[in-house]
Amino acid sequence: MADHNNPSGHCAFKGCCGGQPGGSVRLIDARMPELARCLTLFQYVQAVTGGPVARIDQAGSYAQPSLRGEAFAVQAGSIALRLDADGIDTAVLARDGGTDSVTLRLLDAEGRTVHQGRLLSDGDRLLAGLAPTIQAGARAAVTSTPPEVPAWEDGDQLAQLDAVLTEGGLARRAAFDRYEGGEHRPIEVDVVASVLDHVCSVGLPIGVAVFAPAAMQACAGRVHVTDRTVGGRVFAALAESSVEIDLAAVRACRLVRSAAAYGPTSALELDDEDGRCVAVITQFGMVGADVHEAWEDLAASLPDA
């Protein structure tokens, strides 16, 4: 087992252990399917994806994570994670020596944490010791050909999400005039808070996806409660998840329609100041014809920016 601490006893990966003396970091295999086996091993995890503009926090167990180009589903009670395998450089299990807590983190090539799962049960923390480790610099052999990723220009809803996974969708947004899959129009950013309040009040379930570099975490269900701070941060308790969006930091919101299970389906895409999509509010999968119709009626009523 390889522990990677610096000589001072602090975690060599900045931000992984909180710098607590006695903490340790073990490198594990960041490639599929080995990473998927590790994630689905744990039964009770607090999983977090996002950044300063949007963040999703969910407690539960991991569903089988998917890669770009593969099928994708959001199931009640499960943490739905989708990854760009080329963007995940390192996976670590970090143990804090002060509290004995264990956190699994996925990092990109720049060392940024793109997803983390804190193990909440004693059993999972024991299971973490069984996860196979690798040496620093080791890369897993690719065992299968990555699935083909459809072009977003004429692709369905999943193709749009996968385009965002690569680099925040910057290339897609810059060439959005080529989008042939459906309608797209800018809408007012402040409408997002009203949308969340409305679906909460009428009991309309929705789906939310939050992005970090090379990672997307999604949830779906009814919104139980919403709140908004004076500074413009919006909170929504959604199914077993908590979603937070800093509307003051959202520079643009666009309504995009693309093919999905019940036909053309609308999505609200929120961009940060750099033009990267940080969150999507939509409907995922087979939600029921009545839910789809109610969501589309709501989307059609939203005013242009």
Protein backbone atom coordinates (compact mmCIF):
# COMPACT_ATOMS: atom_id res chain seq x y z
CA MET A 1 0.00 0.00 0.00
CA ALA A 2 1.45 3.33 -1.04
CA ASP A 3 1.01 6.33 1.28
CA HIS A 4 2.00 9.66 -0.26
CA ASN A 5 2.82 12.15 2.48
CA ASN A 6 5.42 14.87 2.35
CA PRO A 7 8.32 14.86 4.85
CA SER A 8 6.50 17.27 7.16
CA GLY A 9 3.71 14.76 7.66
CA HIS A 10 1.15 16.80 5.73
CA CYS A 11 -0.75 15.64 2.68
CA ALA A 12 1.33 16.07 -0.47
CA PHE A 13 -1.83 16.69 -2.50
CA LYS A 14 -2.90 20.21 -1.55
CA GLY A 15 -6.45 20.31 -0.24
CA CYS A 16 -6.91 16.57 0.10
CA CYS A 17 -6.50 16.07 3.84
CA GLY A 18 -6.87 19.57 5.14
CA GLY A 19 -3.17 19.50 6.02
CA GLN A 20 -3.72 17.57 9.27
CA PRO A 21 -0.65 15.88 10.74
CA GLY A 22 -1.08 12.12 10.61
CA GLY A 23 -3.31 12.25 7.59
CA SER A 24 -2.51 9.96 4.70
CA VAL A 25 -3.33 9.78 1.00
CA ARG A 26 -3.50 6.57 -1.01
CA LEU A 27 -3.56 6.66 -4.79
CA ILE A 28 -6.16 4.36 -6.33
CA ASP A 29 -6.89 3.50 -9.94
CA ALA A 30 -8.64 6.42 -11.66
CA ARG A 31 -9.62 4.43 -14.77
CA MET A 32 -12.83 2.59 -15.48
CA PRO A 33 -13.93 -0.02 -14.61
CA GLU A 34 -11.63 -0.10 -11.57
CA LEU A 35 -12.82 3.30 -10.35
CA ALA A 36 -16.47 2.27 -10.72
CA ARG A 37 -15.84 -0.83 -8.60
CA CYS A 38 -14.38 1.36 -5.86
CA LEU A 39 -17.19 3.92 -5.91
CA THR A 40 -19.98 1.35 -5.83
CA LEU A 41 -18.28 -0.44 -2.94
CA PHE A 42 -19.39 2.24 -0.49
CA GLN A 43 -22.94 2.30 0.90
CA TYR A 44 -23.28 5.72 2.54
CA VAL A 45 -21.39 8.65 1.06
CA GLN A 46 -21.74 12.42 1.05
CA ALA A 47 -21.00 13.19 -2.60
CA VAL A 48 -20.22 16.73 -3.74
CA THR A 49 -19.60 18.14 -7.23
CA GLY A 50 -19.34 21.73 -8.35
CA GLY A 51 -17.52 24.97 -7.76
CA PRO A 52 -18.09 28.52 -6.52
CA VAL A 53 -21.09 29.15 -8.82
CA ALA A 54 -23.02 25.87 -8.51
CA ARG A 55 -22.76 22.91 -6.17
CA ILE A 56 -24.67 19.70 -5.53
CA ASP A 57 -24.44 17.76 -2.27
CA GLN A 58 -26.08 14.35 -1.89
CA ALA A 59 -25.94 11.56 0.65
CA GLY A 60 -26.45 7.99 -0.48
CA SER A 61 -24.69 5.28 -2.44
CA TYR A 62 -23.16 5.55 -5.90
CA ALA A 63 -24.98 4.15 -8.89
CA GLN A 64 -22.68 2.70 -11.53
CA PRO A 65 -20.91 5.82 -12.85
CA SER A 66 -21.03 6.39 -16.59
CA LEU A 67 -18.62 7.79 -19.14
CA ARG A 68 -19.27 10.18 -22.02
CA GLY A 69 -21.03 8.31 -24.81
CA GLU A 70 -22.59 5.70 -22.51
CA ALA A 71 -26.20 5.46 -21.36
CA PHE A 72 -27.14 7.63 -18.40
CA ALA A 73 -29.92 7.40 -15.82
CA VAL A 74 -30.83 9.25 -12.64
CA GLN A 75 -32.41 6.93 -10.07
CA ALA A 76 -33.99 7.81 -6.75
CA GLY A 77 -31.69 7.23 -3.79
CA SER A 78 -28.55 6.82 -5.91
CA ILE A 79 -25.71 9.21 -6.67
CA ALA A 80 -25.56 9.64 -10.45
CA LEU A 81 -22.06 10.53 -11.60
CA ARG A 82 -20.89 10.97 -15.21
CA LEU A 83 -17.22 11.40 -16.05
CA ASP A 84 -14.96 12.42 -18.89
CA ALA A 85 -12.30 9.72 -18.50
CA ASP A 86 -9.68 11.80 -20.31
CA GLY A 87 -10.09 14.59 -17.76
CA ILE A 88 -9.74 12.49 -14.59
CA ASP A 89 -6.04 12.29 -13.82
CA THR A 90 -5.88 11.03 -10.23
CA ALA A 91 -8.09 9.35 -7.64
CA VAL A 92 -7.13 9.41 -3.99
CA LEU A 93 -8.43 8.15 -0.67
CA ALA A 94 -7.49 10.71 1.98
CA ARG A 95 -7.63 9.95 5.70
CA ASP A 96 -7.63 12.82 8.18
CA GLY A 97 -5.50 11.84 11.13
CA GLY A 98 -7.32 14.25 13.43
CA THR A 99 -10.87 12.98 12.89
CA ASP A 100 -10.27 9.61 11.19
CA SER A 101 -12.62 10.70 8.41
CA VAL A 102 -12.00 9.27 4.92
CA THR A 103 -12.70 11.14 1.68
CA LEU A 104 -12.43 9.92 -1.87
CA ARG A 105 -11.40 12.64 -4.33
CA LEU A 106 -11.12 12.74 -8.09
CA LEU A 107 -8.60 15.26 -9.43
CA ASP A 108 -7.86 16.62 -12.88
CA ALA A 109 -4.40 17.12 -14.39
CA GLU A 110 -4.11 20.53 -12.70
CA GLY A 111 -4.70 19.00 -9.28
CA ARG A 112 -8.21 20.43 -8.89
CA THR A 113 -10.75 18.34 -7.01
CA VAL A 114 -13.58 17.72 -9.48
CA HIS A 115 -15.59 15.40 -7.23
CA GLN A 116 -15.40 14.19 -3.67
CA GLY A 117 -17.23 11.59 -1.61
CA ARG A 118 -16.87 11.60 2.16
CA LEU A 119 -17.43 8.15 3.67
CA LEU A 120 -20.05 8.50 6.39
CA SER A 121 -20.13 5.05 7.98
CA ASP A 122 -17.56 3.08 9.92
CA GLY A 123 -18.14 0.13 7.61
CA ASP A 124 -17.30 2.17 4.53
CA ARG A 125 -14.19 3.56 6.17
CA LEU A 126 -13.07 -0.02 6.81
CA LEU A 127 -13.89 -1.00 3.22
CA ALA A 128 -11.74 1.89 2.00
CA GLY A 129 -8.73 -0.05 3.20
CA LEU A 130 -9.55 -2.79 0.69
CA ALA A 131 -9.42 -0.50 -2.34
CA PRO A 132 -6.40 -1.45 -4.48
CA THR A 133 -3.68 1.19 -4.59
CA ILE A 134 -1.28 2.16 -7.36
CA GLN A 135 2.12 3.80 -7.35
CA ALA A 136 2.54 7.48 -8.18
CA GLY A 137 2.84 7.94 -11.94
CA ALA A 138 1.26 4.58 -12.73
CA ARG A 139 -1.56 4.57 -15.27
CA ALA A 140 -4.05 1.80 -15.74
CA ALA A 141 -4.13 0.03 -19.07
CA VAL A 142 -7.14 0.87 -21.20
CA THR A 143 -9.08 -2.39 -21.43
CA SER A 144 -11.76 -1.36 -23.93
CA THR A 145 -12.42 1.18 -26.64
CA PRO A 146 -14.19 4.27 -25.28
CA PRO A 147 -17.75 4.62 -26.55
CA GLU A 148 -18.37 6.95 -29.47
CA VAL A 149 -19.70 10.33 -28.41
CA PRO A 150 -22.37 11.74 -30.76
CA ALA A 151 -21.84 15.24 -32.14
CA TRP A 152 -23.77 17.83 -30.18
CA GLU A 153 -24.78 19.81 -33.28
CA ASP A 154 -27.56 17.36 -34.11
CA GLY A 155 -27.47 15.27 -30.94
CA ASP A 156 -30.00 14.55 -28.21
CA GLN A 157 -30.10 15.78 -24.63
CA LEU A 158 -27.29 13.46 -23.55
CA ALA A 159 -25.05 14.68 -26.37
CA GLN A 160 -25.51 18.24 -25.07
CA LEU A 161 -24.54 17.19 -21.54
CA ASP A 162 -21.50 15.32 -22.82
CA ALA A 163 -20.37 18.37 -24.79
CA VAL A 164 -20.38 20.35 -21.54
CA LEU A 165 -18.35 17.65 -19.77
CA THR A 166 -15.28 18.16 -21.97
CA GLU A 167 -14.33 21.77 -21.16
CA GLY A 168 -17.46 23.35 -19.80
CA GLY A 169 -19.03 23.49 -23.24
CA LEU A 170 -16.98 26.50 -24.37
CA ALA A 171 -16.53 25.22 -27.92
CA ARG A 172 -20.22 24.35 -28.12
CA ARG A 173 -21.33 27.75 -26.88
CA ALA A 174 -19.00 29.55 -29.29
CA ALA A 175 -20.49 27.64 -32.23
CA PHE A 176 -24.09 27.40 -31.05
CA ASP A 177 -25.33 28.75 -34.36
CA ARG A 178 -24.55 25.25 -35.70
CA TYR A 179 -26.99 23.59 -33.30
CA GLU A 180 -29.58 21.80 -35.40
CA GLY A 181 -31.15 19.72 -32.65
CA GLY A 182 -33.74 22.21 -31.44
CA GLU A 183 -34.65 25.65 -30.19
CA HIS A 184 -32.31 27.77 -28.09
CA ARG A 185 -32.79 31.27 -26.71
CA PRO A 186 -31.39 33.43 -23.91
CA ILE A 187 -33.58 34.07 -20.88
CA GLU A 188 -33.21 36.26 -17.80
CA VAL A 189 -30.97 34.81 -15.10
CA ASP A 190 -33.29 35.90 -12.28
CA VAL A 191 -36.01 33.67 -13.72
CA VAL A 192 -34.18 30.63 -12.34
CA ALA A 193 -35.16 31.42 -8.75
CA SER A 194 -38.79 31.84 -9.77
CA VAL A 195 -38.71 28.53 -11.65
CA LEU A 196 -37.45 26.70 -8.55
CA ASP A 197 -40.07 28.40 -6.37
CA HIS A 198 -42.82 27.47 -8.83
CA VAL A 199 -41.94 23.79 -9.21
CA CYS A 200 -41.67 23.59 -5.43
CA SER A 201 -45.13 25.08 -4.91
CA VAL A 202 -46.90 22.89 -7.49
CA GLY A 203 -44.94 19.69 -6.78
CA LEU A 204 -43.47 19.37 -10.27
CA PRO A 205 -40.37 17.13 -10.20
CA ILE A 206 -37.29 18.33 -12.06
CA GLY A 207 -33.75 17.19 -12.76
CA VAL A 208 -30.59 19.14 -11.96
CA ALA A 209 -27.06 18.47 -13.19
CA VAL A 210 -24.05 20.30 -11.78
CA PHE A 211 -20.69 20.33 -13.54
CA ALA A 212 -17.06 20.48 -12.48
CA PRO A 213 -14.14 19.91 -14.88
CA ALA A 214 -14.61 16.38 -16.31
CA ALA A 215 -17.40 15.49 -13.86
CA MET A 216 -21.18 15.84 -13.69
CA GLN A 217 -23.42 14.87 -10.77
CA ALA A 218 -27.17 14.82 -11.25
CA CYS A 219 -30.31 14.35 -9.19
CA ALA A 220 -34.04 14.33 -9.90
CA GLY A 221 -37.26 14.58 -7.94
CA ARG A 222 -39.53 17.06 -6.22
CA VAL A 223 -38.18 20.27 -4.74
CA HIS A 224 -39.05 20.24 -1.02
CA VAL A 225 -37.96 23.76 -0.12
CA THR A 226 -36.21 26.74 -1.67
CA ASP A 227 -34.44 29.73 -0.16
CA ARG A 228 -32.63 32.80 -1.43
CA THR A 229 -30.11 34.98 0.36
CA VAL A 230 -29.73 38.75 0.05
CA GLY A 231 -26.53 38.17 -1.92
CA GLY A 232 -28.33 36.16 -4.58
CA ARG A 233 -27.49 32.59 -3.60
CA VAL A 234 -30.36 30.18 -4.25
CA PHE A 235 -30.79 26.92 -2.35
CA ALA A 236 -33.07 24.04 -3.23
CA ALA A 237 -33.64 20.79 -1.36
CA LEU A 238 -34.28 18.35 -4.19
CA ALA A 239 -35.10 14.70 -3.52
CA GLU A 240 -32.13 13.50 -1.39
CA SER A 241 -29.91 16.34 -2.59
CA SER A 242 -29.10 19.94 -1.83
CA VAL A 243 -28.40 22.28 -4.75
CA GLU A 244 -26.83 25.72 -4.36
CA ILE A 245 -26.51 28.29 -7.15
CA ASP A 246 -24.89 31.71 -6.86
CA LEU A 247 -27.12 33.64 -9.27
CA ALA A 248 -25.00 36.76 -8.83
CA ALA A 249 -22.12 34.84 -10.47
CA VAL A 250 -24.23 33.43 -13.32
CA ARG A 251 -23.52 35.54 -16.40
CA ALA A 252 -26.00 33.97 -18.81
CA CYS A 253 -28.91 31.57 -18.88
CA ARG A 254 -30.10 29.87 -22.04
CA LEU A 255 -33.13 27.69 -22.70
CA VAL A 256 -32.12 24.81 -24.97
CA ARG A 257 -34.48 22.16 -26.37
CA SER A 258 -33.16 18.78 -27.47
CA ALA A 259 -34.53 15.33 -28.13
CA ALA A 260 -35.22 13.19 -25.06
CA ALA A 261 -37.44 10.31 -23.96
CA TYR A 262 -40.74 12.16 -24.45
CA GLY A 263 -39.67 14.24 -27.41
CA PRO A 264 -38.11 17.75 -27.45
CA THR A 265 -37.27 18.66 -23.85
CA SER A 266 -36.25 22.05 -22.50
CA ALA A 267 -33.21 22.67 -20.33
CA LEU A 268 -32.06 25.81 -18.55
CA GLU A 269 -28.28 26.08 -18.95
CA LEU A 270 -26.45 28.40 -16.55
CA ASP A 271 -23.04 29.81 -17.54
CA ASP A 272 -20.36 31.37 -15.35
CA GLU A 273 -18.39 34.50 -16.21
CA ASP A 274 -16.02 32.50 -18.43
CA GLY A 275 -18.88 31.07 -20.48
CA ARG A 276 -18.67 27.57 -18.98
CA CYS A 277 -21.93 25.80 -18.24
CA VAL A 278 -22.04 25.07 -14.51
CA ALA A 279 -25.57 23.74 -14.07
CA VAL A 280 -28.55 22.46 -16.06
CA ILE A 281 -32.17 22.30 -14.92
CA THR A 282 -34.32 19.95 -17.01
CA GLN A 283 -36.14 16.60 -17.07
CA PHE A 284 -34.18 13.35 -17.27
CA GLY A 285 -35.45 10.13 -18.81
CA MET A 286 -38.97 8.67 -18.54
CA VAL A 287 -40.66 11.19 -16.25
CA GLY A 288 -44.25 10.71 -17.40
CA ALA A 289 -46.17 12.53 -20.11
CA ASP A 290 -47.97 14.82 -17.63
CA VAL A 291 -44.70 15.93 -16.02
CA HIS A 292 -43.09 16.51 -19.40
CA GLU A 293 -46.05 18.56 -20.62
CA ALA A 294 -46.14 20.69 -17.46
CA TRP A 295 -42.39 21.34 -17.70
CA GLU A 296 -42.61 22.34 -21.35
CA ASP A 297 -45.53 24.68 -20.63
CA LEU A 298 -43.45 26.34 -17.92
CA ALA A 299 -40.40 26.62 -20.17
CA ALA A 300 -42.45 28.16 -23.00
CA SER A 301 -43.72 30.84 -20.62
CA LEU A 302 -40.26 32.07 -19.65
CA PRO A 303 -39.42 35.52 -21.07
CA ASP A 304 -36.46 36.13 -23.36
CA ALA A 305 -33.51 38.04 -21.98
